[in-house]
Amino acid sequence: MPESGRLPGHGTPAQVRADLAALAERGVTYVVFDTCLTAYLGLVPPERSPRHDPELLEAVAGDLMDLRRAEPA
């Protein structure tokens, strides 16, 4: 899916939308955005993990998903 060096679901909104579209083409019907994954993988210190970041949640809801249809925007 993503180009080398980028985790699926990470990157610009356009990159994440492309990831979601690729998953949908493979028949995936549910996706979980794990805001603690980067800390778990040791990519960022735990205190920098977004955990409950309202701005991040708004960006996902507004820029990546059409919540009325539950499909990528």
PDB file of N, CA and C in Angstrom:
ATOM      1  N   MET A   1       0.817  -1.196   0.000  1.00  0.00           N
ATOM      2  CA  MET A   1       0.000   0.000   0.000  1.00  0.00           C
ATOM      3  C   MET A   1       0.862   1.263   0.000  1.00  0.00           C
ATOM      4  N   PRO A   2       1.231   1.809   1.166  1.00  0.00           N
ATOM      5  CA  PRO A   2       1.962   3.077   1.120  1.00  0.00           C
ATOM      6  C   PRO A   2       3.372   2.890   0.563  1.00  0.00           C
ATOM      7  N   GLU A   3       3.913   4.022   0.137  1.00  0.00           N
ATOM      8  CA  GLU A   3       5.284   4.006  -0.345  1.00  0.00           C
ATOM      9  C   GLU A   3       6.225   3.643   0.811  1.00  0.00           C
ATOM     10  N   SER A   4       7.396   3.253   0.484  1.00  0.00           N
ATOM     11  CA  SER A   4       8.373   2.801   1.477  1.00  0.00           C
ATOM     12  C   SER A   4       8.608   3.874   2.545  1.00  0.00           C
ATOM     13  N   GLY A   5       8.639   3.445   3.791  1.00  0.00           N
ATOM     14  CA  GLY A   5       8.943   4.354   4.885  1.00  0.00           C
ATOM     15  C   GLY A   5       7.747   5.029   5.519  1.00  0.00           C
ATOM     16  N   ARG A   6       6.547   4.825   4.994  1.00  0.00           N
ATOM     17  CA  ARG A   6       5.359   5.458   5.562  1.00  0.00           C
ATOM     18  C   ARG A   6       4.402   4.377   6.026  1.00  0.00           C
ATOM     19  N   LEU A   7       3.918   4.529   7.245  1.00  0.00           N
ATOM     20  CA  LEU A   7       2.935   3.593   7.773  1.00  0.00           C
ATOM     21  C   LEU A   7       1.567   3.859   7.152  1.00  0.00           C
ATOM     22  N   PRO A   8       0.760   2.821   6.898  1.00  0.00           N
ATOM     23  CA  PRO A   8      -0.613   3.063   6.424  1.00  0.00           C
ATOM     24  C   PRO A   8      -1.358   3.939   7.423  1.00  0.00           C
ATOM     25  N   GLY A   9      -2.127   4.890   6.915  1.00  0.00           N
ATOM     26  CA  GLY A   9      -2.903   5.763   7.791  1.00  0.00           C
ATOM     27  C   GLY A   9      -2.126   6.942   8.324  1.00  0.00           C
ATOM     28  N   HIS A  10      -0.877   7.099   7.902  1.00  0.00           N
ATOM     29  CA  HIS A  10      -0.048   8.224   8.319  1.00  0.00           C
ATOM     30  C   HIS A  10       0.306   9.038   7.093  1.00  0.00           C
ATOM     31  N   GLY A  11       0.463  10.341   7.285  1.00  0.00           N
ATOM     32  CA  GLY A  11       0.854  11.207   6.176  1.00  0.00           C
ATOM     33  C   GLY A  11      -0.146  12.317   5.974  1.00  0.00           C
ATOM     34  N   THR A  12      -0.155  12.840   4.779  1.00  0.00           N
ATOM     35  CA  THR A  12      -1.073  13.929   4.448  1.00  0.00           C
ATOM     36  C   THR A  12      -2.492  13.380   4.327  1.00  0.00           C
ATOM     37  N   PRO A  13      -3.494  14.254   4.404  1.00  0.00           N
ATOM     38  CA  PRO A  13      -4.863  13.771   4.192  1.00  0.00           C
ATOM     39  C   PRO A  13      -5.015  13.029   2.859  1.00  0.00           C
ATOM     40  N   ALA A  14      -4.361  13.499   1.807  1.00  0.00           N
ATOM     41  CA  ALA A  14      -4.454  12.818   0.510  1.00  0.00           C
ATOM     42  C   ALA A  14      -3.852  11.419   0.579  1.00  0.00           C
ATOM     43  N   GLN A  15      -2.742  11.256   1.287  1.00  0.00           N
ATOM     44  CA  GLN A  15      -2.122   9.947   1.417  1.00  0.00           C
ATOM     45  C   GLN A  15      -3.024   8.987   2.200  1.00  0.00           C
ATOM     46  N   VAL A  16      -3.626   9.496   3.280  1.00  0.00           N
ATOM     47  CA  VAL A  16      -4.496   8.647   4.097  1.00  0.00           C
ATOM     48  C   VAL A  16      -5.754   8.281   3.319  1.00  0.00           C
ATOM     49  N   ARG A  17      -6.313   9.238   2.552  1.00  0.00           N
ATOM     50  CA  ARG A  17      -7.474   8.919   1.707  1.00  0.00           C
ATOM     51  C   ARG A  17      -7.121   7.831   0.699  1.00  0.00           C
ATOM     52  N   ALA A  18      -5.915   7.896   0.133  1.00  0.00           N
ATOM     53  CA  ALA A  18      -5.477   6.862  -0.816  1.00  0.00           C
ATOM     54  C   ALA A  18      -5.349   5.512  -0.103  1.00  0.00           C
ATOM     55  N   ASP A  19      -4.848   5.519   1.124  1.00  0.00           N
ATOM     56  CA  ASP A  19      -4.766   4.271   1.906  1.00  0.00           C
ATOM     57  C   ASP A  19      -6.156   3.682   2.124  1.00  0.00           C
ATOM     58  N   LEU A  20      -7.109   4.547   2.504  1.00  0.00           N
ATOM     59  CA  LEU A  20      -8.477   4.084   2.746  1.00  0.00           C
ATOM     60  C   LEU A  20      -9.102   3.529   1.468  1.00  0.00           C
ATOM     61  N   ALA A  21      -8.852   4.203   0.341  1.00  0.00           N
ATOM     62  CA  ALA A  21      -9.390   3.731  -0.937  1.00  0.00           C
ATOM     63  C   ALA A  21      -8.787   2.374  -1.300  1.00  0.00           C
ATOM     64  N   ALA A  22      -7.484   2.204  -1.060  1.00  0.00           N
ATOM     65  CA  ALA A  22      -6.839   0.921  -1.358  1.00  0.00           C
ATOM     66  C   ALA A  22      -7.414  -0.186  -0.484  1.00  0.00           C
ATOM     67  N   LEU A  23      -7.674   0.115   0.778  1.00  0.00           N
ATOM     68  CA  LEU A  23      -8.276  -0.878   1.668  1.00  0.00           C
ATOM     69  C   LEU A  23      -9.692  -1.231   1.208  1.00  0.00           C
ATOM     70  N   ALA A  24     -10.466  -0.223   0.807  1.00  0.00           N
ATOM     71  CA  ALA A  24     -11.836  -0.468   0.335  1.00  0.00           C
ATOM     72  C   ALA A  24     -11.819  -1.349  -0.912  1.00  0.00           C
ATOM     73  N   GLU A  25     -10.854  -1.122  -1.804  1.00  0.00           N
ATOM     74  CA  GLU A  25     -10.740  -1.960  -3.005  1.00  0.00           C
ATOM     75  C   GLU A  25     -10.467  -3.421  -2.646  1.00  0.00           C
ATOM     76  N   ARG A  26      -9.843  -3.639  -1.502  1.00  0.00           N
ATOM     77  CA  ARG A  26      -9.551  -5.003  -1.051  1.00  0.00           C
ATOM     78  C   ARG A  26     -10.689  -5.597  -0.225  1.00  0.00           C
ATOM     79  N   GLY A  27     -11.789  -4.847  -0.114  1.00  0.00           N
ATOM     80  CA  GLY A  27     -12.953  -5.359   0.597  1.00  0.00           C
ATOM     81  C   GLY A  27     -13.002  -5.046   2.078  1.00  0.00           C
ATOM     82  N   VAL A  28     -12.075  -4.229   2.571  1.00  0.00           N
ATOM     83  CA  VAL A  28     -12.072  -3.859   3.986  1.00  0.00           C
ATOM     84  C   VAL A  28     -13.269  -2.962   4.258  1.00  0.00           C
ATOM     85  N   THR A  29     -14.028  -3.283   5.294  1.00  0.00           N
ATOM     86  CA  THR A  29     -15.214  -2.487   5.622  1.00  0.00           C
ATOM     87  C   THR A  29     -15.068  -1.707   6.928  1.00  0.00           C
ATOM     88  N   TYR A  30     -14.052  -2.000   7.730  1.00  0.00           N
ATOM     89  CA  TYR A  30     -13.828  -1.288   8.989  1.00  0.00           C
ATOM     90  C   TYR A  30     -12.355  -0.931   9.118  1.00  0.00           C
ATOM     91  N   VAL A  31     -12.091   0.267   9.626  1.00  0.00           N
ATOM     92  CA  VAL A  31     -10.721   0.713   9.877  1.00  0.00           C
ATOM     93  C   VAL A  31     -10.692   1.344  11.255  1.00  0.00           C
ATOM     94  N   VAL A  32      -9.651   1.048  12.018  1.00  0.00           N
ATOM     95  CA  VAL A  32      -9.452   1.655  13.335  1.00  0.00           C
ATOM     96  C   VAL A  32      -8.218   2.537  13.244  1.00  0.00           C
ATOM     97  N   PHE A  33      -8.369   3.803  13.602  1.00  0.00           N
ATOM     98  CA  PHE A  33      -7.233   4.709  13.669  1.00  0.00           C
ATOM     99  C   PHE A  33      -6.695   4.660  15.095  1.00  0.00           C
ATOM    100  N   ASP A  34      -5.502   4.105  15.258  1.00  0.00           N
ATOM    101  CA  ASP A  34      -4.884   3.935  16.569  1.00  0.00           C
ATOM    102  C   ASP A  34      -3.933   5.095  16.811  1.00  0.00           C
ATOM    103  N   THR A  35      -4.335   6.029  17.669  1.00  0.00           N
ATOM    104  CA  THR A  35      -3.513   7.202  17.923  1.00  0.00           C
ATOM    105  C   THR A  35      -2.309   6.903  18.802  1.00  0.00           C
ATOM    106  N   CYS A  36      -2.211   5.720  19.352  1.00  0.00           N
ATOM    107  CA  CYS A  36      -1.067   5.351  20.193  1.00  0.00           C
ATOM    108  C   CYS A  36      -0.055   4.476  19.452  1.00  0.00           C
ATOM    109  N   LEU A  37      -0.320   4.112  18.200  1.00  0.00           N
ATOM    110  CA  LEU A  37       0.535   3.188  17.472  1.00  0.00           C
ATOM    111  C   LEU A  37       1.969   3.699  17.361  1.00  0.00           C
ATOM    112  N   THR A  38       2.153   4.970  17.036  1.00  0.00           N
ATOM    113  CA  THR A  38       3.516   5.477  16.853  1.00  0.00           C
ATOM    114  C   THR A  38       4.316   5.384  18.145  1.00  0.00           C
ATOM    115  N   ALA A  39       3.681   5.615  19.285  1.00  0.00           N
ATOM    116  CA  ALA A  39       4.389   5.462  20.563  1.00  0.00           C
ATOM    117  C   ALA A  39       4.671   3.992  20.832  1.00  0.00           C
ATOM    118  N   TYR A  40       3.710   3.120  20.532  1.00  0.00           N
ATOM    119  CA  TYR A  40       3.889   1.682  20.733  1.00  0.00           C
ATOM    120  C   TYR A  40       5.061   1.153  19.905  1.00  0.00           C
ATOM    121  N   LEU A  41       5.187   1.655  18.668  1.00  0.00           N
ATOM    122  CA  LEU A  41       6.267   1.220  17.794  1.00  0.00           C
ATOM    123  C   LEU A  41       7.594   1.900  18.110  1.00  0.00           C
ATOM    124  N   GLY A  42       7.565   2.844  19.063  1.00  0.00           N
ATOM    125  CA  GLY A  42       8.784   3.549  19.436  1.00  0.00           C
ATOM    126  C   GLY A  42       9.185   4.642  18.466  1.00  0.00           C
ATOM    127  N   LEU A  43       8.257   5.085  17.615  1.00  0.00           N
ATOM    128  CA  LEU A  43       8.559   6.130  16.646  1.00  0.00           C
ATOM    129  C   LEU A  43       8.519   7.524  17.257  1.00  0.00           C
ATOM    130  N   VAL A  44       7.741   7.694  18.295  1.00  0.00           N
ATOM    131  CA  VAL A  44       7.696   8.960  19.048  1.00  0.00           C
ATOM    132  C   VAL A  44       7.647   8.615  20.529  1.00  0.00           C
ATOM    133  N   PRO A  45       8.119   9.515  21.387  1.00  0.00           N
ATOM    134  CA  PRO A  45       8.003   9.264  22.829  1.00  0.00           C
ATOM    135  C   PRO A  45       6.528   9.245  23.234  1.00  0.00           C
ATOM    136  N   PRO A  46       6.152   8.457  24.242  1.00  0.00           N
ATOM    137  CA  PRO A  46       4.742   8.363  24.651  1.00  0.00           C
ATOM    138  C   PRO A  46       4.081   9.708  24.915  1.00  0.00           C
ATOM    139  N   GLU A  47       4.832  10.655  25.454  1.00  0.00           N
ATOM    140  CA  GLU A  47       4.212  11.963  25.754  1.00  0.00           C
ATOM    141  C   GLU A  47       3.869  12.747  24.495  1.00  0.00           C
ATOM    142  N   ARG A  48       4.415  12.367  23.334  1.00  0.00           N
ATOM    143  CA  ARG A  48       4.078  13.041  22.078  1.00  0.00           C
ATOM    144  C   ARG A  48       2.990  12.329  21.305  1.00  0.00           C
ATOM    145  N   SER A  49       2.511  11.206  21.812  1.00  0.00           N
ATOM    146  CA  SER A  49       1.428  10.484  21.153  1.00  0.00           C
ATOM    147  C   SER A  49       0.146  11.293  21.277  1.00  0.00           C
ATOM    148  N   PRO A  50      -0.621  11.450  20.193  1.00  0.00           N
ATOM    149  CA  PRO A  50      -1.799  12.327  20.228  1.00  0.00           C
ATOM    150  C   PRO A  50      -2.951  11.844  21.107  1.00  0.00           C
ATOM    151  N   ARG A  51      -2.978  10.604  21.505  1.00  0.00           N
ATOM    152  CA  ARG A  51      -4.016  10.001  22.336  1.00  0.00           C
ATOM    153  C   ARG A  51      -5.404  10.579  22.147  1.00  0.00           C
ATOM    154  N   HIS A  52      -5.766  11.613  22.870  1.00  0.00           N
ATOM    155  CA  HIS A  52      -7.131  12.174  22.808  1.00  0.00           C
ATOM    156  C   HIS A  52      -7.073  13.609  22.293  1.00  0.00           C
ATOM    157  N   ASP A  53      -6.539  13.782  21.126  1.00  0.00           N
ATOM    158  CA  ASP A  53      -6.355  15.102  20.530  1.00  0.00           C
ATOM    159  C   ASP A  53      -7.613  15.493  19.757  1.00  0.00           C
ATOM    160  N   PRO A  54      -8.411  16.426  20.302  1.00  0.00           N
ATOM    161  CA  PRO A  54      -9.652  16.813  19.619  1.00  0.00           C
ATOM    162  C   PRO A  54      -9.411  17.353  18.211  1.00  0.00           C
ATOM    163  N   GLU A  55      -8.314  18.079  17.996  1.00  0.00           N
ATOM    164  CA  GLU A  55      -8.035  18.612  16.660  1.00  0.00           C
ATOM    165  C   GLU A  55      -7.773  17.482  15.667  1.00  0.00           C
ATOM    166  N   LEU A  56      -7.069  16.453  16.105  1.00  0.00           N
ATOM    167  CA  LEU A  56      -6.812  15.308  15.241  1.00  0.00           C
ATOM    168  C   LEU A  56      -8.117  14.594  14.900  1.00  0.00           C
ATOM    169  N   LEU A  57      -8.986  14.405  15.891  1.00  0.00           N
ATOM    170  CA  LEU A  57     -10.269  13.750  15.644  1.00  0.00           C
ATOM    171  C   LEU A  57     -11.133  14.565  14.688  1.00  0.00           C
ATOM    172  N   GLU A  58     -11.115  15.897  14.844  1.00  0.00           N
ATOM    173  CA  GLU A  58     -11.864  16.763  13.924  1.00  0.00           C
ATOM    174  C   GLU A  58     -11.319  16.649  12.510  1.00  0.00           C
ATOM    175  N   ALA A  59      -9.994  16.593  12.382  1.00  0.00           N
ATOM    176  CA  ALA A  59      -9.383  16.482  11.059  1.00  0.00           C
ATOM    177  C   ALA A  59      -9.787  15.165  10.394  1.00  0.00           C
ATOM    178  N   VAL A  60      -9.772  14.083  11.139  1.00  0.00           N
ATOM    179  CA  VAL A  60     -10.171  12.792  10.580  1.00  0.00           C
ATOM    180  C   VAL A  60     -11.638  12.825  10.173  1.00  0.00           C
ATOM    181  N   ALA A  61     -12.481  13.356  11.052  1.00  0.00           N
ATOM    182  CA  ALA A  61     -13.918  13.401  10.767  1.00  0.00           C
ATOM    183  C   ALA A  61     -14.225  14.341   9.601  1.00  0.00           C
ATOM    184  N   GLY A  62     -13.536  15.467   9.543  1.00  0.00           N
ATOM    185  CA  GLY A  62     -13.858  16.467   8.535  1.00  0.00           C
ATOM    186  C   GLY A  62     -13.133  16.293   7.221  1.00  0.00           C
ATOM    187  N   ASP A  63     -11.867  15.895   7.271  1.00  0.00           N
ATOM    188  CA  ASP A  63     -11.049  15.844   6.064  1.00  0.00           C
ATOM    189  C   ASP A  63     -10.967  14.461   5.431  1.00  0.00           C
ATOM    190  N   LEU A  64     -11.167  13.420   6.232  1.00  0.00           N
ATOM    191  CA  LEU A  64     -10.940  12.078   5.700  1.00  0.00           C
ATOM    192  C   LEU A  64     -12.209  11.262   5.536  1.00  0.00           C
ATOM    193  N   MET A  65     -13.206  11.518   6.355  1.00  0.00           N
ATOM    194  CA  MET A  65     -14.395  10.672   6.336  1.00  0.00           C
ATOM    195  C   MET A  65     -15.659  11.492   6.133  1.00  0.00           C
ATOM    196  N   ASP A  66     -16.592  10.930   5.387  1.00  0.00           N
ATOM    197  CA  ASP A  66     -17.937  11.474   5.317  1.00  0.00           C
ATOM    198  C   ASP A  66     -18.747  10.635   6.311  1.00  0.00           C
ATOM    199  N   LEU A  67     -18.919  11.150   7.514  1.00  0.00           N
ATOM    200  CA  LEU A  67     -19.517  10.363   8.582  1.00  0.00           C
ATOM    201  C   LEU A  67     -20.982  10.011   8.313  1.00  0.00           C
ATOM    202  N   ARG A  68     -21.642  10.779   7.462  1.00  0.00           N
ATOM    203  CA  ARG A  68     -23.038  10.432   7.131  1.00  0.00           C
ATOM    204  C   ARG A  68     -23.084   9.146   6.328  1.00  0.00           C
ATOM    205  N   ARG A  69     -22.076   8.944   5.476  1.00  0.00           N
ATOM    206  CA  ARG A  69     -22.036   7.755   4.637  1.00  0.00           C
ATOM    207  C   ARG A  69     -21.034   6.730   5.143  1.00  0.00           C
ATOM    208  N   ALA A  70     -20.203   7.122   6.109  1.00  0.00           N
ATOM    209  CA  ALA A  70     -19.154   6.259   6.661  1.00  0.00           C
ATOM    210  C   ALA A  70     -18.225   5.775   5.556  1.00  0.00           C
ATOM    211  N   GLU A  71     -17.875   6.683   4.652  1.00  0.00           N
ATOM    212  CA  GLU A  71     -16.953   6.367   3.570  1.00  0.00           C
ATOM    213  C   GLU A  71     -15.890   7.445   3.496  1.00  0.00           C
ATOM    214  N   PRO A  72     -14.747   7.133   2.877  1.00  0.00           N
ATOM    215  CA  PRO A  72     -13.723   8.168   2.700  1.00  0.00           C
ATOM    216  C   PRO A  72     -14.308   9.365   1.974  1.00  0.00           C
ATOM    217  N   ALA A  73     -13.888  10.553   2.385  1.00  0.00           N
ATOM    218  CA  ALA A  73     -14.366  11.799   1.769  1.00  0.00           C
ATOM    219  C   ALA A  73     -13.797  11.953   0.381  1.00  0.00           C
TER     220      ALA A  73
END
